[in-house]
Amino acid sequence: MSPLSLTKPQDVTPPPSIREPPLTPPSTDKKPAADAHRVIALFEDIQAGRNIKGDNWIEFQLAKGAFDQIQSTLRQDGPLSKFVEASIRCDYDEAIRLLVVRMPTGVHEFFIDEVEDDIRSQLKVIRNRPDRTAQFAQNIRPARSTEIRFATSKSRYHPDISFGHKDARFPGLIVEVAFSQEYKHLRRLAENYLLDSDANVRVVIGINIAYGKVSRKATLSIWRPKLSKTPSGYDLEAEEEVTDEVFRDDEGNPVEHTGLRLHLSDFTCKRIAQEEMGDEDAEIYISGTQLCRYVATAESNVQRAMREEPLPDGININKRRRSTTPPEEIRSEDEARYIKQEKRAAKRGDYDVDYEHK
């Protein structure tokens, strides 16, 4: 990859966002069916290309029972259910009944791809080492946005990046990338990952990227589970060991930053890491400058992907679409065969009834 300029601010349109409805507890008289209808209507609009606002982050504060109705409706509509599963990322926090519909932008996806590829490349290097970390690294798999569910709740999440051991139920490493207006929700999301997985998720990385002409700032946060002894037992909490550390300034320039430092043992739960590596470990490192370059690359890729070739001028061109193929008509011999099969089935049915009456 050729280095890109890190000093010239990129003119990137900020992704739109709405909050629908405000994040407030639902009223007691709110109908769950109404909430379910609004969410399903949004899914249908996106499927039909009618989401003209281009909103990439939409929140629904659901009434009790609405989430179950949404799931029931999707189960009854196979095509829509498959579309939602393949094209729309939904996070649901059961504790506050908040459903978030996420549709990442091009910048978001390009940046995620760069970071994931860097981690994968470093894992490949570790796999060639002569120690126990090599075999452990062989067992680490990327899962990208594979849905995460917890047994104790209906909550479910689709992280931006996730890596985990092939034998572990939960990924050990999760990375979430957010635009500025969404970043406040990452703290709660990180807490849910760490606590609801019973600390099986070992580290959550939050990257906040500001898009627009006003600021190009980008920051890094890191959360890990912390188990503390108390008079009554132990407290498990999400500790934010790195808080909004800037690695790109408002002009889009890299600033002095320690970068992202991870250990191979972060990629799965403690027990598996101990069993396979013992006291050995390895480091995964992405510098702050490299993170900044990945943001600039993502922005540049979106801007550059605007070329298209028009059709020739001065000539008449008709766009001929293939007609919809009508359902294949049943041939006469097939129809006769189906009639015979139906008669045989009817005779068997009569025989079974007579036998039961005897």
Protein backbone atom coordinates (compact mmCIF):
# COMPACT_ATOMS: atom_id res chain seq x y z
CA MET A 1 0.00 0.00 0.00
CA SER A 2 1.45 3.37 -0.95
CA PRO A 3 1.52 5.92 1.90
CA LEU A 4 -1.17 8.58 1.70
CA SER A 5 -0.87 12.17 2.80
CA LEU A 6 -1.79 12.47 6.46
CA THR A 7 -1.73 16.24 6.59
CA LYS A 8 -4.30 17.28 4.02
CA PRO A 9 -7.82 17.18 5.45
CA GLN A 10 -10.14 14.98 3.44
CA ASP A 11 -13.47 16.45 2.41
CA VAL A 12 -15.74 13.67 3.58
CA THR A 13 -19.46 14.17 4.03
CA PRO A 14 -20.43 13.36 7.62
CA PRO A 15 -22.72 10.34 7.85
CA PRO A 16 -26.26 11.34 8.77
CA SER A 17 -27.80 10.06 11.94
CA ILE A 18 -31.15 10.25 13.62
CA ARG A 19 -32.50 9.21 16.95
CA GLU A 20 -35.93 7.63 16.57
CA PRO A 21 -37.49 8.03 19.05
CA PRO A 22 -35.58 9.82 21.89
CA LEU A 23 -33.81 7.54 24.34
CA THR A 24 -36.40 7.71 27.11
CA PRO A 25 -38.27 4.96 28.93
CA PRO A 26 -41.40 3.95 27.01
CA SER A 27 -44.72 5.05 28.45
CA THR A 28 -46.87 2.41 30.13
CA ASP A 29 -49.63 2.75 27.53
CA LYS A 30 -47.32 2.31 24.55
CA LYS A 31 -48.36 -0.48 22.20
CA PRO A 32 -45.64 -3.02 21.36
CA ALA A 33 -47.32 -3.68 18.00
CA ALA A 34 -46.80 -0.06 16.96
CA ASP A 35 -43.07 -0.25 17.70
CA ALA A 36 -42.76 -3.56 15.87
CA HIS A 37 -44.56 -2.10 12.85
CA ARG A 38 -42.18 0.88 12.69
CA VAL A 39 -39.10 -1.35 12.79
CA ILE A 40 -40.46 -3.78 10.17
CA ALA A 41 -41.46 -0.82 7.98
CA LEU A 42 -37.88 0.46 8.17
CA PHE A 43 -36.52 -2.95 7.16
CA GLU A 44 -38.91 -3.05 4.20
CA ASP A 45 -37.94 0.49 3.13
CA ILE A 46 -34.25 -0.42 3.21
CA GLN A 47 -34.91 -3.62 1.28
CA ALA A 48 -36.84 -1.67 -1.38
CA GLY A 49 -34.26 1.12 -1.54
CA ARG A 50 -36.62 3.68 -0.04
CA ASN A 51 -34.39 4.72 2.88
CA ILE A 52 -33.77 8.01 1.12
CA LYS A 53 -32.34 9.78 4.18
CA GLY A 54 -29.42 7.38 4.21
CA ASP A 55 -29.47 7.15 7.98
CA ASN A 56 -26.73 4.81 9.16
CA TRP A 57 -27.64 4.71 12.86
CA ILE A 58 -31.27 4.55 13.96
CA GLU A 59 -32.47 3.91 17.49
CA PHE A 60 -35.81 2.54 18.63
CA GLN A 61 -36.83 2.63 22.28
CA LEU A 62 -39.14 -0.37 22.33
CA ALA A 63 -42.14 -1.10 24.49
CA LYS A 64 -42.20 -4.37 26.40
CA GLY A 65 -42.90 -7.26 24.05
CA ALA A 66 -42.12 -5.33 20.86
CA PHE A 67 -38.84 -7.13 20.22
CA ASP A 68 -40.58 -10.50 20.37
CA GLN A 69 -43.14 -9.28 17.85
CA ILE A 70 -40.39 -8.11 15.51
CA GLN A 71 -38.75 -11.54 15.68
CA SER A 72 -42.08 -13.27 15.09
CA THR A 73 -42.81 -11.13 12.03
CA LEU A 74 -39.39 -11.85 10.54
CA ARG A 75 -39.84 -15.59 11.06
CA GLN A 76 -43.03 -15.41 9.01
CA ASP A 77 -41.41 -13.42 6.18
CA GLY A 78 -38.54 -15.51 4.87
CA PRO A 79 -37.23 -13.11 2.18
CA LEU A 80 -37.24 -10.11 4.53
CA SER A 81 -35.63 -12.14 7.31
CA LYS A 82 -32.80 -13.23 5.00
CA PHE A 83 -32.29 -9.65 3.82
CA VAL A 84 -32.10 -8.30 7.38
CA GLU A 85 -29.65 -11.03 8.36
CA ALA A 86 -27.41 -10.38 5.37
CA SER A 87 -27.59 -6.60 4.96
CA ILE A 88 -28.64 -4.94 8.21
CA ARG A 89 -26.86 -5.05 11.55
CA CYS A 90 -29.11 -4.80 14.58
CA ASP A 91 -28.02 -4.54 18.21
CA TYR A 92 -30.58 -5.11 20.95
CA ASP A 93 -29.96 -4.26 24.60
CA GLU A 94 -32.67 -6.05 26.56
CA ALA A 95 -31.95 -4.24 29.83
CA ILE A 96 -33.08 -0.89 28.40
CA ARG A 97 -35.09 -2.31 25.46
CA LEU A 98 -33.02 -0.35 22.95
CA LEU A 99 -32.80 -1.56 19.36
CA VAL A 100 -30.11 0.03 17.19
CA VAL A 101 -30.16 -0.45 13.43
CA ARG A 102 -26.69 0.08 11.96
CA MET A 103 -25.83 0.42 8.27
CA PRO A 104 -22.10 1.20 8.09
CA THR A 105 -20.81 3.68 5.51
CA GLY A 106 -18.01 3.06 3.04
CA VAL A 107 -15.45 4.86 5.21
CA HIS A 108 -16.49 2.74 8.18
CA GLU A 109 -16.16 -0.53 6.24
CA PHE A 110 -12.84 0.37 4.57
CA PHE A 111 -11.31 1.29 7.93
CA ILE A 112 -12.55 -1.92 9.55
CA ASP A 113 -11.07 -3.95 6.72
CA GLU A 114 -7.66 -2.29 7.14
CA VAL A 115 -7.52 -2.91 10.89
CA GLU A 116 -8.71 -6.51 10.61
CA ASP A 117 -6.21 -7.23 7.84
CA ASP A 118 -3.37 -5.85 9.97
CA ILE A 119 -4.29 -8.11 12.89
CA ARG A 120 -4.62 -11.14 10.61
CA SER A 121 -1.21 -10.44 9.08
CA GLN A 122 0.43 -10.32 12.51
CA LEU A 123 -1.27 -13.57 13.52
CA LYS A 124 0.19 -15.23 10.41
CA VAL A 125 3.69 -14.17 11.48
CA ILE A 126 3.17 -15.58 14.98
CA ARG A 127 2.04 -18.91 13.49
CA ASN A 128 5.58 -19.42 12.17
CA ARG A 129 7.26 -18.98 15.54
CA PRO A 130 9.03 -21.95 17.18
CA ASP A 131 7.18 -21.72 20.51
CA ARG A 132 3.73 -22.55 21.89
CA THR A 133 2.25 -19.28 20.69
CA ALA A 134 2.40 -20.59 17.11
CA GLN A 135 -0.17 -23.34 17.64
CA PHE A 136 -2.35 -21.03 19.71
CA ALA A 137 -2.33 -18.46 16.90
CA GLN A 138 -3.37 -21.23 14.49
CA ASN A 139 -6.55 -21.63 16.53
CA ILE A 140 -7.54 -17.94 16.44
CA ARG A 141 -10.21 -17.08 13.90
CA PRO A 142 -11.72 -13.77 12.72
CA ALA A 143 -15.51 -13.63 13.00
CA ARG A 144 -16.12 -10.01 11.87
CA SER A 145 -19.81 -9.22 12.60
CA THR A 146 -21.00 -12.68 13.58
CA GLU A 147 -23.92 -12.27 15.97
CA ILE A 148 -23.17 -12.54 19.69
CA ARG A 149 -25.93 -13.70 22.05
CA PHE A 150 -25.91 -14.24 25.79
CA ALA A 151 -27.75 -17.09 27.49
CA THR A 152 -29.17 -14.92 30.26
CA SER A 153 -30.94 -12.38 28.04
CA LYS A 154 -32.40 -11.65 24.62
CA SER A 155 -29.66 -9.12 23.94
CA ARG A 156 -27.71 -9.62 20.74
CA TYR A 157 -24.94 -7.70 19.04
CA HIS A 158 -23.03 -7.55 15.75
CA PRO A 159 -19.52 -6.18 16.43
CA ASP A 160 -17.47 -4.50 13.72
CA ILE A 161 -14.48 -6.80 14.27
CA SER A 162 -14.15 -9.89 16.44
CA PHE A 163 -11.48 -12.55 16.91
CA GLY A 164 -11.76 -15.68 19.00
CA HIS A 165 -10.44 -19.17 19.63
CA LYS A 166 -12.05 -21.97 17.62
CA ASP A 167 -13.08 -23.77 20.83
CA ALA A 168 -14.44 -20.70 22.66
CA ARG A 169 -18.08 -19.66 22.68
CA PHE A 170 -17.31 -15.93 22.74
CA PRO A 171 -14.65 -13.91 20.93
CA GLY A 172 -11.86 -12.66 23.15
CA LEU A 173 -11.24 -9.47 21.16
CA ILE A 174 -13.92 -7.06 19.90
CA VAL A 175 -13.40 -3.81 18.01
CA GLU A 176 -16.18 -1.26 17.55
CA VAL A 177 -15.83 1.79 15.31
CA ALA A 178 -18.22 4.70 15.77
CA PHE A 179 -18.91 8.13 14.43
CA SER A 180 -18.81 10.93 16.98
CA GLN A 181 -22.58 11.07 17.51
CA GLU A 182 -22.68 7.33 18.28
CA TYR A 183 -19.59 7.00 20.44
CA LYS A 184 -21.33 7.59 23.76
CA HIS A 185 -23.11 4.26 23.29
CA LEU A 186 -19.87 2.31 22.96
CA ARG A 187 -19.20 2.55 26.69
CA ARG A 188 -22.38 0.73 27.53
CA LEU A 189 -21.80 -1.70 24.65
CA ALA A 190 -18.32 -2.52 25.97
CA GLU A 191 -19.75 -3.07 29.44
CA ASN A 192 -22.38 -5.45 28.07
CA TYR A 193 -19.79 -7.46 26.13
CA LEU A 194 -17.50 -7.86 29.14
CA LEU A 195 -20.07 -8.46 31.88
CA ASP A 196 -22.69 -10.51 30.01
CA SER A 197 -19.98 -12.85 28.71
CA ASP A 198 -18.74 -13.36 32.30
CA ALA A 199 -15.38 -11.86 31.28
CA ASN A 200 -14.94 -14.37 28.45
CA VAL A 201 -14.64 -11.32 26.21
CA ARG A 202 -11.22 -10.12 27.29
CA VAL A 203 -10.86 -6.72 25.62
CA VAL A 204 -13.08 -4.26 23.76
CA ILE A 205 -11.51 -1.60 21.54
CA GLY A 206 -13.50 1.54 20.74
CA ILE A 207 -12.39 3.84 17.92
CA ASN A 208 -14.15 7.16 17.48
CA ILE A 209 -13.74 8.93 14.14
CA ALA A 210 -15.08 12.44 13.56
CA TYR A 211 -16.10 13.01 9.94
CA GLY A 212 -16.77 16.37 8.38
CA LYS A 213 -15.17 19.71 7.59
CA VAL A 214 -15.06 20.87 11.21
CA SER A 215 -12.91 18.09 12.65
CA ARG A 216 -10.96 15.02 11.55
CA LYS A 217 -10.11 13.92 15.08
CA ALA A 218 -9.93 10.24 15.94
CA THR A 219 -9.56 8.67 19.37
CA LEU A 220 -8.95 5.26 20.92
CA SER A 221 -10.47 3.67 24.04
CA ILE A 222 -9.87 0.23 25.58
CA TRP A 223 -12.00 -1.67 28.10
CA ARG A 224 -11.10 -4.84 29.99
CA PRO A 225 -12.91 -6.87 32.68
CA LYS A 226 -11.83 -6.22 36.25
CA LEU A 227 -12.62 -8.58 39.13
CA SER A 228 -12.30 -6.97 42.57
CA LYS A 229 -12.69 -8.59 45.99
CA THR A 230 -15.32 -7.07 48.26
CA PRO A 231 -16.55 -7.92 51.78
CA SER A 232 -19.50 -9.76 50.25
CA GLY A 233 -17.60 -11.55 47.46
CA TYR A 234 -16.34 -10.13 44.16
CA ASP A 235 -17.37 -7.34 41.80
CA LEU A 236 -16.97 -7.73 38.03
CA GLU A 237 -16.84 -4.45 36.15
CA ALA A 238 -15.67 -3.02 32.84
CA GLU A 239 -12.54 -0.98 33.43
CA GLU A 240 -11.68 1.67 30.85
CA GLU A 241 -7.90 1.54 30.87
CA VAL A 242 -7.56 3.89 27.88
CA THR A 243 -10.02 6.77 27.54
CA ASP A 244 -10.51 8.76 24.33
CA GLU A 245 -6.79 9.05 23.56
CA VAL A 246 -6.29 11.13 20.41
CA PHE A 247 -4.26 9.57 17.59
CA ARG A 248 -5.43 12.01 14.85
CA ASP A 249 -5.99 15.72 15.40
CA ASP A 250 -8.74 17.99 14.08
CA GLU A 251 -6.81 18.59 10.83
CA GLY A 252 -6.36 14.89 10.19
CA ASN A 253 -2.69 14.77 11.18
CA PRO A 254 -1.22 11.92 13.27
CA VAL A 255 -0.25 12.84 16.82
CA GLU A 256 2.21 11.15 19.11
CA HIS A 257 0.40 8.11 20.46
CA THR A 258 1.37 4.72 21.81
CA GLY A 259 -1.03 2.99 19.43
CA LEU A 260 -2.98 -0.19 19.98
CA ARG A 261 -1.11 -2.84 21.97
CA LEU A 262 -2.67 -6.25 22.47
CA HIS A 263 -1.47 -9.63 23.67
CA LEU A 264 -2.20 -12.94 22.00
CA SER A 265 -3.81 -14.06 25.25
CA ASP A 266 -6.42 -11.31 24.74
CA PHE A 267 -7.97 -13.32 21.92
CA THR A 268 -9.76 -15.85 24.14
CA CYS A 269 -10.67 -16.65 27.74
CA LYS A 270 -7.96 -17.10 30.36
CA ARG A 271 -8.32 -20.86 30.74
CA ILE A 272 -7.81 -21.70 27.06
CA ALA A 273 -4.87 -19.30 26.77
CA GLN A 274 -3.22 -20.84 29.85
CA GLU A 275 -3.77 -24.40 28.67
CA GLU A 276 -2.30 -23.81 25.22
CA MET A 277 0.44 -21.22 25.87
CA GLY A 278 1.28 -21.49 29.56
CA ASP A 279 3.34 -18.43 30.49
CA GLU A 280 4.25 -17.66 26.88
CA ASP A 281 2.59 -14.83 24.97
CA ALA A 282 3.05 -12.55 21.95
CA GLU A 283 2.21 -8.96 21.10
CA ILE A 284 -0.09 -7.53 18.44
CA TYR A 285 0.72 -3.89 17.79
CA ILE A 286 -0.71 -1.18 15.51
CA SER A 287 0.93 2.21 15.89
CA GLY A 288 -1.02 5.42 16.23
CA THR A 289 0.47 6.62 12.93
CA GLN A 290 -0.73 3.44 11.21
CA LEU A 291 -4.24 3.83 12.63
CA CYS A 292 -4.26 7.39 11.31
CA ARG A 293 -3.13 6.17 7.90
CA TYR A 294 -5.94 3.61 7.84
CA VAL A 295 -8.52 6.35 8.45
CA ALA A 296 -7.02 8.47 5.66
CA THR A 297 -6.98 5.46 3.32
CA ALA A 298 -10.64 4.71 4.03
CA GLU A 299 -11.63 8.31 3.35
CA SER A 300 -9.57 8.39 0.16
CA ASN A 301 -11.07 5.12 -1.08
CA VAL A 302 -14.59 6.49 -0.72
CA GLN A 303 -13.72 9.72 -2.52
CA ARG A 304 -11.83 7.96 -5.30
CA ALA A 305 -14.58 5.44 -6.03
CA MET A 306 -16.62 7.95 -8.02
CA ARG A 307 -15.41 7.24 -11.57
CA GLU A 308 -17.83 5.92 -14.14
CA GLU A 309 -17.93 5.68 -17.91
CA PRO A 310 -20.97 7.22 -19.62
CA LEU A 311 -22.57 5.68 -22.68
CA PRO A 312 -21.55 7.19 -26.03
CA ASP A 313 -23.22 10.48 -26.97
CA GLY A 314 -25.08 11.09 -30.19
CA ILE A 315 -26.52 7.63 -30.68
CA ASN A 316 -29.82 6.12 -29.68
CA ILE A 317 -29.39 3.34 -27.10
CA ASN A 318 -32.29 1.31 -25.81
CA LYS A 319 -31.75 -0.56 -22.57
CA ARG A 320 -33.27 -3.97 -23.20
CA ARG A 321 -34.13 -5.88 -20.05
CA ARG A 322 -34.91 -9.55 -20.09
CA SER A 323 -38.59 -10.25 -19.59
CA THR A 324 -39.59 -12.06 -16.46
CA THR A 325 -39.65 -15.77 -17.10
CA PRO A 326 -43.21 -17.09 -16.55
CA PRO A 327 -43.66 -20.12 -14.31
CA GLU A 328 -43.01 -23.29 -16.24
CA GLU A 329 -46.26 -24.83 -17.43
CA ILE A 330 -46.98 -28.39 -16.39
CA ARG A 331 -46.62 -30.67 -19.36
CA SER A 332 -49.56 -32.95 -20.19
CA GLU A 333 -47.65 -36.15 -19.34
CA ASP A 334 -46.56 -34.67 -15.99
CA GLU A 335 -50.13 -33.63 -15.24
CA ALA A 336 -51.37 -37.16 -15.94
CA ARG A 337 -48.70 -38.59 -13.67
CA TYR A 338 -49.66 -36.19 -10.85
CA ILE A 339 -53.33 -37.20 -11.19
CA LYS A 340 -52.41 -40.91 -10.87
CA GLN A 341 -50.30 -40.16 -7.79
CA GLU A 342 -53.18 -38.27 -6.19
CA LYS A 343 -55.59 -41.18 -6.86
CA ARG A 344 -53.16 -43.68 -5.29
CA ALA A 345 -52.77 -41.45 -2.27
CA ALA A 346 -56.53 -41.18 -1.92
CA LYS A 347 -56.93 -44.97 -2.07
CA ARG A 348 -54.30 -45.41 0.65
CA GLY A 349 -56.13 -42.90 2.77
CA ASP A 350 -59.43 -44.80 2.35
CA TYR A 351 -57.72 -48.05 3.26
CA ASP A 352 -56.21 -46.58 6.42
CA VAL A 353 -59.59 -45.23 7.54
CA ASP A 354 -61.32 -48.60 6.96
CA TYR A 355 -58.59 -50.40 8.86
CA GLU A 356 -58.88 -48.08 11.88
CA HIS A 357 -62.66 -48.55 12.02
CA LYS A 358 -62.22 -52.33 12.17
